[in-house]
Protein backbone atom coordinates (compact mmCIF):
# COMPACT_ATOMS: atom_id res chain seq x y z
CA MET A 1 -35.99 74.93 46.00
CA ASN A 2 -38.92 77.09 45.16
CA ASP A 3 -40.16 74.59 42.37
CA ILE A 4 -39.99 71.77 45.00
CA ILE A 5 -42.18 73.75 47.37
CA ASN A 6 -44.66 74.74 44.80
CA ASP A 7 -45.03 71.06 43.46
CA ILE A 8 -45.59 69.61 47.16
CA ILE A 9 -48.12 72.31 47.82
CA THR A 10 -49.94 71.90 44.70
CA HIS A 11 -50.48 68.33 45.34
CA ILE A 12 -51.30 68.56 48.92
CA LEU A 13 -54.27 70.84 47.82
CA PHE A 14 -55.31 68.65 44.95
CA SER A 15 -54.88 65.23 46.72
CA THR A 16 -56.86 66.39 49.61
CA PHE A 17 -59.74 67.36 47.27
CA MET A 18 -59.20 64.19 45.38
CA THR A 19 -59.43 62.02 48.60
CA TYR A 20 -62.69 63.91 49.53
CA VAL A 21 -64.25 63.49 46.11
CA ILE A 22 -63.15 59.93 44.99
CA ALA A 23 -61.47 57.99 47.88
CA ASP A 24 -64.01 58.63 50.46
CA ASN A 25 -66.63 57.46 48.53
CA LEU A 26 -64.75 54.57 47.47
CA HIS A 27 -64.13 53.81 51.28
CA LYS A 28 -67.78 53.19 51.73
CA PHE A 29 -67.80 50.16 49.52
CA THR A 30 -64.38 48.68 49.68
CA GLY A 31 -63.27 49.16 53.32
CA ASN A 32 -59.81 50.54 53.84
CA ILE A 33 -58.51 50.04 50.23
CA TRP A 34 -59.20 53.66 49.82
CA LEU A 35 -55.79 54.49 51.35
CA ASN A 36 -53.83 52.41 48.73
CA PHE A 37 -56.08 53.78 45.85
CA SER A 38 -55.28 57.35 46.99
CA PHE A 39 -51.57 57.05 47.33
CA THR A 40 -51.42 55.07 43.93
CA ALA A 41 -53.59 57.67 42.18
CA THR A 42 -51.37 60.47 43.47
CA PHE A 43 -48.28 58.77 41.97
CA VAL A 44 -50.20 58.02 38.73
CA LEU A 45 -51.36 61.68 38.39
CA GLY A 46 -47.81 63.06 38.93
CA LEU A 47 -46.49 60.52 36.12
CA ALA A 48 -49.17 61.36 33.85
CA LEU A 49 -48.57 65.21 34.20
CA GLU A 50 -44.88 64.67 33.46
CA ILE A 51 -45.67 62.68 30.46
CA LEU A 52 -48.12 65.24 29.13
CA GLN A 53 -45.55 68.13 29.60
CA TRP A 54 -43.05 66.03 27.67
CA TYR A 55 -45.33 65.07 24.90
CA PHE A 56 -46.82 68.30 24.16
CA GLY A 57 -43.57 70.30 24.79
CA PHE A 58 -44.67 72.42 27.85
CA GLY A 59 -41.94 71.49 29.87
CA THR A 60 -39.28 68.69 30.61
CA PHE A 61 -39.72 65.30 31.96
CA GLU A 62 -38.20 65.30 35.48
CA PHE A 63 -38.07 62.45 37.84
CA LYS A 64 -37.67 64.93 40.74
CA ASP A 65 -41.09 66.37 39.82
CA ILE A 66 -42.78 62.92 40.18
CA ILE A 67 -41.12 62.36 43.73
CA ASN A 68 -42.09 65.99 44.81
CA ASN A 69 -45.78 65.27 43.52
CA SER A 70 -46.04 61.99 45.26
CA ILE A 71 -44.81 63.55 48.67
CA GLY A 72 -47.26 66.26 48.30
CA GLY A 73 -50.09 63.72 47.41
CA THR A 74 -49.16 61.63 50.23
CA ILE A 75 -49.21 64.59 52.75
CA GLY A 76 -52.66 65.74 51.23
CA VAL A 77 -54.11 62.39 51.60
CA LEU A 78 -52.77 61.85 55.15
CA TRP A 79 -53.97 65.38 56.12
CA TYR A 80 -57.51 64.79 54.88
CA LYS A 81 -57.41 61.66 56.87
CA SER A 82 -56.19 63.17 59.98
CA ILE A 83 -58.97 66.10 59.84
CA THR A 84 -61.86 63.54 59.08
CA LEU A 85 -61.20 61.35 61.90
């Protein structure tokens, strides 16, 4: 249970920052596509982290981590959007 909370909180913080730096600037040029980009980027980042862990032997590849990272990323994107309205 503690790992789930840590994964989600970490990705809330990271995706909030990522949305501020990347997606908010993308919004200026492409309209509302930034939201889809943010959600996709959080999923791809979580998948990439799991693949890197598996490849370099730092941990194990777990699907639950990808799901937790995606949930945290989604919460972070929505949180950023709610505080910037």
